[in-house]
Amino acid sequence: MVIPPPIRAERITKFLKPYVLKMHFTNRFVSAQVIHTPTATVAASASSQEKVLRLSMEQAKESTRDVAAAAKIGNILGQRLLLKNIPAVSVFFKREQKYHGKVKAVIDSVREAGVKLI
């Protein structure tokens, strides 16, 4: 049995930004996802852990954790957002994240794909 996510009250959801980009970096992989905040569901995601992407990067002798991999993940995520008709997202930074390195690569490549950042 699947339990649906809780629906937030209208007074809360009218102040939330509907789509939020969240990024996660490990020592081996890069992942990013866009979450629809009123329903708390994942609208789109991309990761260097995906089987097809990981295999293609290993064959090309590319790393799955550097800035180039982060840019590739951002580009794929931007294309997936446009396919789902999501024209704009806002960015959520964790406390330790700064607009530098991998974070900058993901955000810039999402922006270059045609998605507006709020």
PDB file of N, CA and C in Angstrom:
ATOM      1  N   MET A   1       0.838  -1.167   0.000  1.00  0.00           N
ATOM      2  CA  MET A   1       0.000   0.000   0.000  1.00  0.00           C
ATOM      3  C   MET A   1       0.893   1.243   0.000  1.00  0.00           C
ATOM      4  N   VAL A   2       0.583   2.166  -0.872  1.00  0.00           N
ATOM      5  CA  VAL A   2       1.359   3.400  -0.979  1.00  0.00           C
ATOM      6  C   VAL A   2       0.627   4.502  -0.240  1.00  0.00           C
ATOM      7  N   ILE A   3       1.348   5.165   0.647  1.00  0.00           N
ATOM      8  CA  ILE A   3       0.767   6.265   1.416  1.00  0.00           C
ATOM      9  C   ILE A   3       1.094   7.560   0.688  1.00  0.00           C
ATOM     10  N   PRO A   4       0.074   8.329   0.264  1.00  0.00           N
ATOM     11  CA  PRO A   4       0.359   9.580  -0.447  1.00  0.00           C
ATOM     12  C   PRO A   4       0.979  10.611   0.492  1.00  0.00           C
ATOM     13  N   PRO A   5       1.784  11.528  -0.066  1.00  0.00           N
ATOM     14  CA  PRO A   5       2.382  12.562   0.779  1.00  0.00           C
ATOM     15  C   PRO A   5       1.313  13.506   1.313  1.00  0.00           C
ATOM     16  N   PRO A   6       1.537  14.106   2.460  1.00  0.00           N
ATOM     17  CA  PRO A   6       0.528  15.004   3.022  1.00  0.00           C
ATOM     18  C   PRO A   6       0.388  16.262   2.173  1.00  0.00           C
ATOM     19  N   ILE A   7      -0.811  16.723   2.023  1.00  0.00           N
ATOM     20  CA  ILE A   7      -1.091  17.956   1.294  1.00  0.00           C
ATOM     21  C   ILE A   7      -1.029  19.104   2.305  1.00  0.00           C
ATOM     22  N   ARG A   8      -0.237  20.102   1.986  1.00  0.00           N
ATOM     23  CA  ARG A   8      -0.068  21.229   2.904  1.00  0.00           C
ATOM     24  C   ARG A   8      -1.239  22.195   2.797  1.00  0.00           C
ATOM     25  N   ALA A   9      -1.484  22.903   3.852  1.00  0.00           N
ATOM     26  CA  ALA A   9      -2.582  23.861   3.888  1.00  0.00           C
ATOM     27  C   ALA A   9      -2.323  24.999   2.910  1.00  0.00           C
ATOM     28  N   GLU A  10      -3.388  25.586   2.398  1.00  0.00           N
ATOM     29  CA  GLU A  10      -3.296  26.665   1.398  1.00  0.00           C
ATOM     30  C   GLU A  10      -2.535  27.860   1.945  1.00  0.00           C
ATOM     31  N   ARG A  11      -2.699  28.168   3.213  1.00  0.00           N
ATOM     32  CA  ARG A  11      -2.029  29.337   3.786  1.00  0.00           C
ATOM     33  C   ARG A  11      -0.513  29.180   3.778  1.00  0.00           C
ATOM     34  N   ILE A  12      -0.025  27.944   3.769  1.00  0.00           N
ATOM     35  CA  ILE A  12       1.416  27.697   3.723  1.00  0.00           C
ATOM     36  C   ILE A  12       1.903  27.654   2.280  1.00  0.00           C
ATOM     37  N   THR A  13       1.170  26.980   1.400  1.00  0.00           N
ATOM     38  CA  THR A  13       1.656  26.754   0.038  1.00  0.00           C
ATOM     39  C   THR A  13       1.698  28.013  -0.806  1.00  0.00           C
ATOM     40  N   LYS A  14       0.901  29.025  -0.487  1.00  0.00           N
ATOM     41  CA  LYS A  14       0.942  30.220  -1.330  1.00  0.00           C
ATOM     42  C   LYS A  14       2.222  31.026  -1.125  1.00  0.00           C
ATOM     43  N   PHE A  15       2.977  30.759  -0.042  1.00  0.00           N
ATOM     44  CA  PHE A  15       4.233  31.449   0.188  1.00  0.00           C
ATOM     45  C   PHE A  15       5.447  30.628  -0.240  1.00  0.00           C
ATOM     46  N   LEU A  16       5.245  29.349  -0.583  1.00  0.00           N
ATOM     47  CA  LEU A  16       6.352  28.504  -0.998  1.00  0.00           C
ATOM     48  C   LEU A  16       6.651  28.694  -2.474  1.00  0.00           C
ATOM     49  N   LYS A  17       7.891  28.541  -2.835  1.00  0.00           N
ATOM     50  CA  LYS A  17       8.240  28.504  -4.241  1.00  0.00           C
ATOM     51  C   LYS A  17       7.966  27.081  -4.703  1.00  0.00           C
ATOM     52  N   PRO A  18       7.245  26.898  -5.808  1.00  0.00           N
ATOM     53  CA  PRO A  18       6.753  25.560  -6.127  1.00  0.00           C
ATOM     54  C   PRO A  18       7.828  24.531  -6.455  1.00  0.00           C
ATOM     55  N   TYR A  19       8.873  24.902  -7.163  1.00  0.00           N
ATOM     56  CA  TYR A  19       9.898  23.932  -7.541  1.00  0.00           C
ATOM     57  C   TYR A  19      11.252  24.369  -6.982  1.00  0.00           C
ATOM     58  N   VAL A  20      11.905  23.472  -6.261  1.00  0.00           N
ATOM     59  CA  VAL A  20      13.169  23.788  -5.605  1.00  0.00           C
ATOM     60  C   VAL A  20      14.233  22.802  -6.078  1.00  0.00           C
ATOM     61  N   LEU A  21      15.385  23.321  -6.499  1.00  0.00           N
ATOM     62  CA  LEU A  21      16.522  22.506  -6.922  1.00  0.00           C
ATOM     63  C   LEU A  21      17.403  22.222  -5.710  1.00  0.00           C
ATOM     64  N   LYS A  22      17.637  20.924  -5.451  1.00  0.00           N
ATOM     65  CA  LYS A  22      18.518  20.518  -4.361  1.00  0.00           C
ATOM     66  C   LYS A  22      19.622  19.660  -4.942  1.00  0.00           C
ATOM     67  N   MET A  23      20.842  19.855  -4.454  1.00  0.00           N
ATOM     68  CA  MET A  23      22.006  19.135  -4.965  1.00  0.00           C
ATOM     69  C   MET A  23      22.664  18.356  -3.837  1.00  0.00           C
ATOM     70  N   HIS A  24      23.241  17.211  -4.200  1.00  0.00           N
ATOM     71  CA  HIS A  24      23.939  16.386  -3.228  1.00  0.00           C
ATOM     72  C   HIS A  24      25.222  15.872  -3.870  1.00  0.00           C
ATOM     73  N   PHE A  25      26.322  16.033  -3.159  1.00  0.00           N
ATOM     74  CA  PHE A  25      27.626  15.613  -3.667  1.00  0.00           C
ATOM     75  C   PHE A  25      28.262  14.646  -2.678  1.00  0.00           C
ATOM     76  N   THR A  26      28.740  13.515  -3.189  1.00  0.00           N
ATOM     77  CA  THR A  26      29.486  12.580  -2.365  1.00  0.00           C
ATOM     78  C   THR A  26      30.895  12.498  -2.927  1.00  0.00           C
ATOM     79  N   ASN A  27      31.712  11.644  -2.338  1.00  0.00           N
ATOM     80  CA  ASN A  27      33.069  11.472  -2.839  1.00  0.00           C
ATOM     81  C   ASN A  27      33.108  10.720  -4.160  1.00  0.00           C
ATOM     82  N   ARG A  28      32.005  10.068  -4.534  1.00  0.00           N
ATOM     83  CA  ARG A  28      31.982   9.281  -5.766  1.00  0.00           C
ATOM     84  C   ARG A  28      30.971   9.764  -6.796  1.00  0.00           C
ATOM     85  N   PHE A  29      29.895  10.429  -6.370  1.00  0.00           N
ATOM     86  CA  PHE A  29      28.820  10.753  -7.292  1.00  0.00           C
ATOM     87  C   PHE A  29      28.291  12.164  -7.085  1.00  0.00           C
ATOM     88  N   VAL A  30      27.565  12.635  -8.104  1.00  0.00           N
ATOM     89  CA  VAL A  30      26.888  13.933  -8.078  1.00  0.00           C
ATOM     90  C   VAL A  30      25.423  13.669  -8.380  1.00  0.00           C
ATOM     91  N   SER A  31      24.519  14.268  -7.611  1.00  0.00           N
ATOM     92  CA  SER A  31      23.100  14.114  -7.915  1.00  0.00           C
ATOM     93  C   SER A  31      22.386  15.432  -7.648  1.00  0.00           C
ATOM     94  N   ALA A  32      21.325  15.649  -8.405  1.00  0.00           N
ATOM     95  CA  ALA A  32      20.509  16.850  -8.247  1.00  0.00           C
ATOM     96  C   ALA A  32      19.066  16.473  -8.509  1.00  0.00           C
ATOM     97  N   GLN A  33      18.160  17.102  -7.785  1.00  0.00           N
ATOM     98  CA  GLN A  33      16.746  16.830  -7.995  1.00  0.00           C
ATOM     99  C   GLN A  33      15.938  18.099  -7.787  1.00  0.00           C
ATOM    100  N   VAL A  34      14.796  18.147  -8.463  1.00  0.00           N
ATOM    101  CA  VAL A  34      13.880  19.266  -8.325  1.00  0.00           C
ATOM    102  C   VAL A  34      12.641  18.735  -7.625  1.00  0.00           C
ATOM    103  N   ILE A  35      12.284  19.370  -6.513  1.00  0.00           N
ATOM    104  CA  ILE A  35      11.176  18.917  -5.687  1.00  0.00           C
ATOM    105  C   ILE A  35      10.021  19.901  -5.801  1.00  0.00           C
ATOM    106  N   HIS A  36       8.809  19.359  -5.984  1.00  0.00           N
ATOM    107  CA  HIS A  36       7.599  20.158  -5.990  1.00  0.00           C
ATOM    108  C   HIS A  36       7.164  20.299  -4.533  1.00  0.00           C
ATOM    109  N   THR A  37       7.349  21.472  -3.934  1.00  0.00           N
ATOM    110  CA  THR A  37       7.177  21.625  -2.494  1.00  0.00           C
ATOM    111  C   THR A  37       5.742  21.475  -1.996  1.00  0.00           C
ATOM    112  N   PRO A  38       4.700  21.930  -2.709  1.00  0.00           N
ATOM    113  CA  PRO A  38       3.355  21.747  -2.142  1.00  0.00           C
ATOM    114  C   PRO A  38       2.961  20.281  -1.958  1.00  0.00           C
ATOM    115  N   THR A  39       3.421  19.402  -2.846  1.00  0.00           N
ATOM    116  CA  THR A  39       3.063  17.992  -2.713  1.00  0.00           C
ATOM    117  C   THR A  39       4.216  17.139  -2.207  1.00  0.00           C
ATOM    118  N   ALA A  40       5.379  17.717  -2.027  1.00  0.00           N
ATOM    119  CA  ALA A  40       6.568  17.024  -1.526  1.00  0.00           C
ATOM    120  C   ALA A  40       6.925  15.820  -2.392  1.00  0.00           C
ATOM    121  N   THR A  41       6.876  15.990  -3.714  1.00  0.00           N
ATOM    122  CA  THR A  41       7.249  14.927  -4.640  1.00  0.00           C
ATOM    123  C   THR A  41       8.408  15.389  -5.507  1.00  0.00           C
ATOM    124  N   VAL A  42       9.153  14.445  -6.042  1.00  0.00           N
ATOM    125  CA  VAL A  42      10.281  14.753  -6.918  1.00  0.00           C
ATOM    126  C   VAL A  42       9.747  14.968  -8.329  1.00  0.00           C
ATOM    127  N   ALA A  43       9.977  16.148  -8.877  1.00  0.00           N
ATOM    128  CA  ALA A  43       9.509  16.458 -10.231  1.00  0.00           C
ATOM    129  C   ALA A  43      10.478  15.915 -11.273  1.00  0.00           C
ATOM    130  N   ALA A  44      11.772  16.059 -11.042  1.00  0.00           N
ATOM    131  CA  ALA A  44      12.792  15.557 -11.968  1.00  0.00           C
ATOM    132  C   ALA A  44      14.086  15.375 -11.192  1.00  0.00           C
ATOM    133  N   SER A  45      14.900  14.435 -11.660  1.00  0.00           N
ATOM    134  CA  SER A  45      16.184  14.223 -11.000  1.00  0.00           C
ATOM    135  C   SER A  45      17.198  13.716 -12.017  1.00  0.00           C
ATOM    136  N   ALA A  46      18.463  13.902 -11.680  1.00  0.00           N
ATOM    137  CA  ALA A  46      19.570  13.385 -12.491  1.00  0.00           C
ATOM    138  C   ALA A  46      20.720  13.074 -11.550  1.00  0.00           C
ATOM    139  N   SER A  47      21.431  12.004 -11.864  1.00  0.00           N
ATOM    140  CA  SER A  47      22.519  11.585 -11.004  1.00  0.00           C
ATOM    141  C   SER A  47      23.581  10.880 -11.824  1.00  0.00           C
ATOM    142  N   SER A  48      24.819  10.955 -11.356  1.00  0.00           N
ATOM    143  CA  SER A  48      25.877  10.213 -12.030  1.00  0.00           C
ATOM    144  C   SER A  48      25.852   8.747 -11.618  1.00  0.00           C
ATOM    145  N   GLN A  49      24.917   8.358 -10.758  1.00  0.00           N
ATOM    146  CA  GLN A  49      24.724   6.964 -10.389  1.00  0.00           C
ATOM    147  C   GLN A  49      23.813   6.226 -11.367  1.00  0.00           C
ATOM    148  N   GLU A  50      23.129   6.951 -12.242  1.00  0.00           N
ATOM    149  CA  GLU A  50      22.244   6.303 -13.216  1.00  0.00           C
ATOM    150  C   GLU A  50      23.066   5.371 -14.087  1.00  0.00           C
ATOM    151  N   LYS A  51      22.506   4.203 -14.346  1.00  0.00           N
ATOM    152  CA  LYS A  51      23.272   3.139 -14.991  1.00  0.00           C
ATOM    153  C   LYS A  51      23.796   3.554 -16.369  1.00  0.00           C
ATOM    154  N   VAL A  52      22.951   4.123 -17.203  1.00  0.00           N
ATOM    155  CA  VAL A  52      23.359   4.488 -18.564  1.00  0.00           C
ATOM    156  C   VAL A  52      24.428   5.571 -18.532  1.00  0.00           C
ATOM    157  N   LEU A  53      24.225   6.581 -17.714  1.00  0.00           N
ATOM    158  CA  LEU A  53      25.180   7.684 -17.634  1.00  0.00           C
ATOM    159  C   LEU A  53      26.506   7.226 -17.037  1.00  0.00           C
ATOM    160  N   ARG A  54      26.434   6.414 -15.983  1.00  0.00           N
ATOM    161  CA  ARG A  54      27.652   5.921 -15.346  1.00  0.00           C
ATOM    162  C   ARG A  54      28.480   5.073 -16.307  1.00  0.00           C
ATOM    163  N   LEU A  55      27.814   4.194 -17.069  1.00  0.00           N
ATOM    164  CA  LEU A  55      28.534   3.352 -18.023  1.00  0.00           C
ATOM    165  C   LEU A  55      29.171   4.174 -19.133  1.00  0.00           C
ATOM    166  N   SER A  56      28.445   5.186 -19.630  1.00  0.00           N
ATOM    167  CA  SER A  56      29.014   6.014 -20.695  1.00  0.00           C
ATOM    168  C   SER A  56      30.198   6.835 -20.192  1.00  0.00           C
ATOM    169  N   MET A  57      30.136   7.289 -18.939  1.00  0.00           N
ATOM    170  CA  MET A  57      31.243   8.063 -18.385  1.00  0.00           C
ATOM    171  C   MET A  57      32.451   7.165 -18.116  1.00  0.00           C
ATOM    172  N   GLU A  58      32.214   5.924 -17.710  1.00  0.00           N
ATOM    173  CA  GLU A  58      33.331   5.010 -17.471  1.00  0.00           C
ATOM    174  C   GLU A  58      34.013   4.615 -18.774  1.00  0.00           C
ATOM    175  N   GLN A  59      33.229   4.454 -19.837  1.00  0.00           N
ATOM    176  CA  GLN A  59      33.818   4.105 -21.136  1.00  0.00           C
ATOM    177  C   GLN A  59      34.648   5.246 -21.690  1.00  0.00           C
ATOM    178  N   ALA A  60      34.240   6.469 -21.424  1.00  0.00           N
ATOM    179  CA  ALA A  60      34.977   7.638 -21.910  1.00  0.00           C
ATOM    180  C   ALA A  60      36.086   8.045 -20.945  1.00  0.00           C
ATOM    181  N   LYS A  61      36.309   7.253 -19.899  1.00  0.00           N
ATOM    182  CA  LYS A  61      37.350   7.520 -18.895  1.00  0.00           C
ATOM    183  C   LYS A  61      37.141   8.863 -18.187  1.00  0.00           C
ATOM    184  N   GLU A  62      35.866   9.224 -17.966  1.00  0.00           N
ATOM    185  CA  GLU A  62      35.546  10.453 -17.249  1.00  0.00           C
ATOM    186  C   GLU A  62      35.217  10.121 -15.803  1.00  0.00           C
ATOM    187  N   SER A  63      35.402  11.079 -14.934  1.00  0.00           N
ATOM    188  CA  SER A  63      35.083  10.899 -13.532  1.00  0.00           C
ATOM    189  C   SER A  63      33.595  11.140 -13.303  1.00  0.00           C
ATOM    190  N   THR A  64      33.025  10.494 -12.300  1.00  0.00           N
ATOM    191  CA  THR A  64      31.622  10.690 -11.968  1.00  0.00           C
ATOM    192  C   THR A  64      31.442  11.664 -10.810  1.00  0.00           C
ATOM    193  N   ARG A  65      32.513  12.369 -10.421  1.00  0.00           N
ATOM    194  CA  ARG A  65      32.414  13.235  -9.248  1.00  0.00           C
ATOM    195  C   ARG A  65      33.011  14.622  -9.415  1.00  0.00           C
ATOM    196  N   ASP A  66      33.584  14.951 -10.564  1.00  0.00           N
ATOM    197  CA  ASP A  66      34.251  16.241 -10.693  1.00  0.00           C
ATOM    198  C   ASP A  66      33.304  17.309 -11.240  1.00  0.00           C
ATOM    199  N   VAL A  67      33.854  18.466 -11.552  1.00  0.00           N
ATOM    200  CA  VAL A  67      33.063  19.602 -12.017  1.00  0.00           C
ATOM    201  C   VAL A  67      32.442  19.315 -13.390  1.00  0.00           C
ATOM    202  N   ALA A  68      33.156  18.599 -14.250  1.00  0.00           N
ATOM    203  CA  ALA A  68      32.609  18.263 -15.562  1.00  0.00           C
ATOM    204  C   ALA A  68      31.395  17.340 -15.430  1.00  0.00           C
ATOM    205  N   ALA A  69      31.459  16.402 -14.491  1.00  0.00           N
ATOM    206  CA  ALA A  69      30.309  15.523 -14.251  1.00  0.00           C
ATOM    207  C   ALA A  69      29.133  16.326 -13.696  1.00  0.00           C
ATOM    208  N   ALA A  70      29.406  17.294 -12.841  1.00  0.00           N
ATOM    209  CA  ALA A  70      28.348  18.141 -12.297  1.00  0.00           C
ATOM    210  C   ALA A  70      27.687  18.957 -13.403  1.00  0.00           C
ATOM    211  N   ALA A  71      28.481  19.450 -14.352  1.00  0.00           N
ATOM    212  CA  ALA A  71      27.912  20.202 -15.474  1.00  0.00           C
ATOM    213  C   ALA A  71      27.049  19.304 -16.346  1.00  0.00           C
ATOM    214  N   LYS A  72      27.482  18.079 -16.557  1.00  0.00           N
ATOM    215  CA  LYS A  72      26.700  17.140 -17.363  1.00  0.00           C
ATOM    216  C   LYS A  72      25.375  16.807 -16.673  1.00  0.00           C
ATOM    217  N   ILE A  73      25.408  16.625 -15.362  1.00  0.00           N
ATOM    218  CA  ILE A  73      24.192  16.334 -14.594  1.00  0.00           C
ATOM    219  C   ILE A  73      23.226  17.519 -14.666  1.00  0.00           C
ATOM    220  N   GLY A  74      23.741  18.726 -14.552  1.00  0.00           N
ATOM    221  CA  GLY A  74      22.898  19.914 -14.647  1.00  0.00           C
ATOM    222  C   GLY A  74      22.252  20.052 -16.009  1.00  0.00           C
ATOM    223  N   ASN A  75      22.996  19.735 -17.066  1.00  0.00           N
ATOM    224  CA  ASN A  75      22.446  19.805 -18.418  1.00  0.00           C
ATOM    225  C   ASN A  75      21.323  18.783 -18.603  1.00  0.00           C
ATOM    226  N   ILE A  76      21.537  17.565 -18.139  1.00  0.00           N
ATOM    227  CA  ILE A  76      20.513  16.519 -18.256  1.00  0.00           C
ATOM    228  C   ILE A  76      19.278  16.902 -17.445  1.00  0.00           C
ATOM    229  N   LEU A  77      19.485  17.433 -16.239  1.00  0.00           N
ATOM    230  CA  LEU A  77      18.356  17.843 -15.410  1.00  0.00           C
ATOM    231  C   LEU A  77      17.571  18.973 -16.067  1.00  0.00           C
ATOM    232  N   GLY A  78      18.269  19.933 -16.664  1.00  0.00           N
ATOM    233  CA  GLY A  78      17.587  21.024 -17.357  1.00  0.00           C
ATOM    234  C   GLY A  78      16.745  20.535 -18.520  1.00  0.00           C
ATOM    235  N   GLN A  79      17.259  19.583 -19.272  1.00  0.00           N
ATOM    236  CA  GLN A  79      16.482  19.022 -20.379  1.00  0.00           C
ATOM    237  C   GLN A  79      15.259  18.270 -19.880  1.00  0.00           C
ATOM    238  N   ARG A  80      15.405  17.540 -18.782  1.00  0.00           N
ATOM    239  CA  ARG A  80      14.260  16.809 -18.224  1.00  0.00           C
ATOM    240  C   ARG A  80      13.197  17.768 -17.685  1.00  0.00           C
ATOM    241  N   LEU A  81      13.628  18.888 -17.124  1.00  0.00           N
ATOM    242  CA  LEU A  81      12.670  19.882 -16.637  1.00  0.00           C
ATOM    243  C   LEU A  81      11.881  20.489 -17.781  1.00  0.00           C
ATOM    244  N   LEU A  82      12.555  20.785 -18.877  1.00  0.00           N
ATOM    245  CA  LEU A  82      11.861  21.366 -20.024  1.00  0.00           C
ATOM    246  C   LEU A  82      10.898  20.369 -20.650  1.00  0.00           C
ATOM    247  N   LEU A  83      11.239  19.074 -20.628  1.00  0.00           N
ATOM    248  CA  LEU A  83      10.311  18.063 -21.139  1.00  0.00           C
ATOM    249  C   LEU A  83       9.044  17.967 -20.290  1.00  0.00           C
ATOM    250  N   LYS A  84       9.161  18.259 -19.003  1.00  0.00           N
ATOM    251  CA  LYS A  84       8.006  18.219 -18.106  1.00  0.00           C
ATOM    252  C   LYS A  84       7.323  19.576 -17.980  1.00  0.00           C
ATOM    253  N   ASN A  85       7.691  20.532 -18.833  1.00  0.00           N
ATOM    254  CA  ASN A  85       7.100  21.873 -18.854  1.00  0.00           C
ATOM    255  C   ASN A  85       7.258  22.604 -17.518  1.00  0.00           C
ATOM    256  N   ILE A  86       8.457  22.535 -16.954  1.00  0.00           N
ATOM    257  CA  ILE A  86       8.781  23.288 -15.746  1.00  0.00           C
ATOM    258  C   ILE A  86       9.767  24.377 -16.164  1.00  0.00           C
ATOM    259  N   PRO A  87       9.287  25.623 -16.330  1.00  0.00           N
ATOM    260  CA  PRO A  87      10.151  26.666 -16.888  1.00  0.00           C
ATOM    261  C   PRO A  87      11.086  27.329 -15.888  1.00  0.00           C
ATOM    262  N   ALA A  88      10.770  27.250 -14.580  1.00  0.00           N
ATOM    263  CA  ALA A  88      11.584  27.976 -13.593  1.00  0.00           C
ATOM    264  C   ALA A  88      11.662  27.191 -12.291  1.00  0.00           C
ATOM    265  N   VAL A  89      12.808  27.285 -11.634  1.00  0.00           N
ATOM    266  CA  VAL A  89      13.013  26.655 -10.330  1.00  0.00           C
ATOM    267  C   VAL A  89      13.763  27.630  -9.426  1.00  0.00           C
ATOM    268  N   SER A  90      13.657  27.398  -8.139  1.00  0.00           N
ATOM    269  CA  SER A  90      14.485  28.151  -7.192  1.00  0.00           C
ATOM    270  C   SER A  90      15.544  27.201  -6.659  1.00  0.00           C
ATOM    271  N   VAL A  91      16.617  27.749  -6.123  1.00  0.00           N
ATOM    272  CA  VAL A  91      17.758  26.947  -5.687  1.00  0.00           C
ATOM    273  C   VAL A  91      17.811  26.933  -4.165  1.00  0.00           C
ATOM    274  N   PHE A  92      18.030  25.746  -3.612  1.00  0.00           N
ATOM    275  CA  PHE A  92      18.188  25.588  -2.175  1.00  0.00           C
ATOM    276  C   PHE A  92      19.627  25.219  -1.891  1.00  0.00           C
ATOM    277  N   PHE A  93      20.310  26.050  -1.089  1.00  0.00           N
ATOM    278  CA  PHE A  93      21.682  25.776  -0.689  1.00  0.00           C
ATOM    279  C   PHE A  93      21.693  25.230   0.728  1.00  0.00           C
ATOM    280  N   LYS A  94      22.500  24.194   0.936  1.00  0.00           N
ATOM    281  CA  LYS A  94      22.750  23.757   2.304  1.00  0.00           C
ATOM    282  C   LYS A  94      23.699  24.764   2.940  1.00  0.00           C
ATOM    283  N   ARG A  95      23.857  24.675   4.228  1.00  0.00           N
ATOM    284  CA  ARG A  95      24.656  25.665   4.943  1.00  0.00           C
ATOM    285  C   ARG A  95      26.097  25.717   4.448  1.00  0.00           C
ATOM    286  N   GLU A  96      26.666  24.559   4.124  1.00  0.00           N
ATOM    287  CA  GLU A  96      28.075  24.537   3.723  1.00  0.00           C
ATOM    288  C   GLU A  96      28.281  24.789   2.231  1.00  0.00           C
ATOM    289  N   GLN A  97      27.194  24.846   1.441  1.00  0.00           N
ATOM    290  CA  GLN A  97      27.351  25.032  -0.001  1.00  0.00           C
ATOM    291  C   GLN A  97      27.488  26.508  -0.344  1.00  0.00           C
ATOM    292  N   LYS A  98      28.425  26.773  -1.234  1.00  0.00           N
ATOM    293  CA  LYS A  98      28.616  28.116  -1.752  1.00  0.00           C
ATOM    294  C   LYS A  98      28.542  28.043  -3.267  1.00  0.00           C
ATOM    295  N   TYR A  99      28.299  29.171  -3.917  1.00  0.00           N
ATOM    296  CA  TYR A  99      28.199  29.215  -5.375  1.00  0.00           C
ATOM    297  C   TYR A  99      29.611  29.149  -5.947  1.00  0.00           C
ATOM    298  N   HIS A 100      30.139  27.929  -5.967  1.00  0.00           N
ATOM    299  CA  HIS A 100      31.517  27.729  -6.376  1.00  0.00           C
ATOM    300  C   HIS A 100      31.699  26.267  -6.757  1.00  0.00           C
ATOM    301  N   GLY A 101      32.524  25.986  -7.735  1.00  0.00           N
ATOM    302  CA  GLY A 101      32.881  24.615  -8.083  1.00  0.00           C
ATOM    303  C   GLY A 101      31.732  23.809  -8.657  1.00  0.00           C
ATOM    304  N   LYS A 102      31.421  22.676  -8.032  1.00  0.00           N
ATOM    305  CA  LYS A 102      30.388  21.774  -8.529  1.00  0.00           C
ATOM    306  C   LYS A 102      29.006  22.417  -8.475  1.00  0.00           C
ATOM    307  N   VAL A 103      28.740  23.160  -7.413  1.00  0.00           N
ATOM    308  CA  VAL A 103      27.441  23.822  -7.278  1.00  0.00           C
ATOM    309  C   VAL A 103      27.241  24.806  -8.425  1.00  0.00           C
ATOM    310  N   LYS A 104      28.270  25.578  -8.718  1.00  0.00           N
ATOM    311  CA  LYS A 104      28.193  26.546  -9.814  1.00  0.00           C
ATOM    312  C   LYS A 104      28.019  25.839 -11.152  1.00  0.00           C
ATOM    313  N   ALA A 105      28.697  24.702 -11.337  1.00  0.00           N
ATOM    314  CA  ALA A 105      28.591  23.962 -12.594  1.00  0.00           C
ATOM    315  C   ALA A 105      27.176  23.451 -12.812  1.00  0.00           C
ATOM    316  N   VAL A 106      26.546  22.915 -11.770  1.00  0.00           N
ATOM    317  CA  VAL A 106      25.170  22.416 -11.894  1.00  0.00           C
ATOM    318  C   VAL A 106      24.217  23.559 -12.206  1.00  0.00           C
ATOM    319  N   ILE A 107      24.316  24.642 -11.457  1.00  0.00           N
ATOM    320  CA  ILE A 107      23.386  25.758 -11.637  1.00  0.00           C
ATOM    321  C   ILE A 107      23.559  26.410 -13.000  1.00  0.00           C
ATOM    322  N   ASP A 108      24.788  26.629 -13.432  1.00  0.00           N
ATOM    323  CA  ASP A 108      25.022  27.258 -14.726  1.00  0.00           C
ATOM    324  C   ASP A 108      24.543  26.384 -15.878  1.00  0.00           C
ATOM    325  N   SER A 109      24.745  25.075 -15.787  1.00  0.00           N
ATOM    326  CA  SER A 109      24.313  24.219 -16.892  1.00  0.00           C
ATOM    327  C   SER A 109      22.796  24.062 -16.917  1.00  0.00           C
ATOM    328  N   VAL A 110      22.120  24.120 -15.765  1.00  0.00           N
ATOM    329  CA  VAL A 110      20.648  24.135 -15.764  1.00  0.00           C
ATOM    330  C   VAL A 110      20.160  25.416 -16.414  1.00  0.00           C
ATOM    331  N   ARG A 111      20.828  26.519 -16.105  1.00  0.00           N
ATOM    332  CA  ARG A 111      20.452  27.808 -16.698  1.00  0.00           C
ATOM    333  C   ARG A 111      20.691  27.808 -18.210  1.00  0.00           C
ATOM    334  N   GLU A 112      21.812  27.213 -18.651  1.00  0.00           N
ATOM    335  CA  GLU A 112      22.115  27.158 -20.086  1.00  0.00           C
ATOM    336  C   GLU A 112      21.152  26.255 -20.837  1.00  0.00           C
ATOM    337  N   ALA A 113      20.567  25.278 -20.150  1.00  0.00           N
ATOM    338  CA  ALA A 113      19.590  24.391 -20.792  1.00  0.00           C
ATOM    339  C   ALA A 113      18.278  25.108 -21.092  1.00  0.00           C
ATOM    340  N   GLY A 114      18.053  26.259 -20.466  1.00  0.00           N
ATOM    341  CA  GLY A 114      16.870  27.044 -20.769  1.00  0.00           C
ATOM    342  C   GLY A 114      15.905  27.200 -19.603  1.00  0.00           C
ATOM    343  N   VAL A 115      16.276  26.718 -18.424  1.00  0.00           N
ATOM    344  CA  VAL A 115      15.416  26.841 -17.250  1.00  0.00           C
ATOM    345  C   VAL A 115      15.798  28.119 -16.507  1.00  0.00           C
ATOM    346  N   LYS A 116      14.791  28.903 -16.119  1.00  0.00           N
ATOM    347  CA  LYS A 116      15.048  30.138 -15.379  1.00  0.00           C
ATOM    348  C   LYS A 116      15.216  29.806 -13.896  1.00  0.00           C
ATOM    349  N   LEU A 117      16.105  30.526 -13.249  1.00  0.00           N
ATOM    350  CA  LEU A 117      16.323  30.354 -11.818  1.00  0.00           C
ATOM    351  C   LEU A 117      15.759  31.546 -11.079  1.00  0.00           C
ATOM    352  N   ILE A 118      14.973  31.271 -10.062  1.00  0.00           N
ATOM    353  CA  ILE A 118      14.325  32.332  -9.278  1.00  0.00           C
ATOM    354  C   ILE A 118      15.157  32.640  -8.063  1.00  0.00           C
TER     355      ILE A 118
END
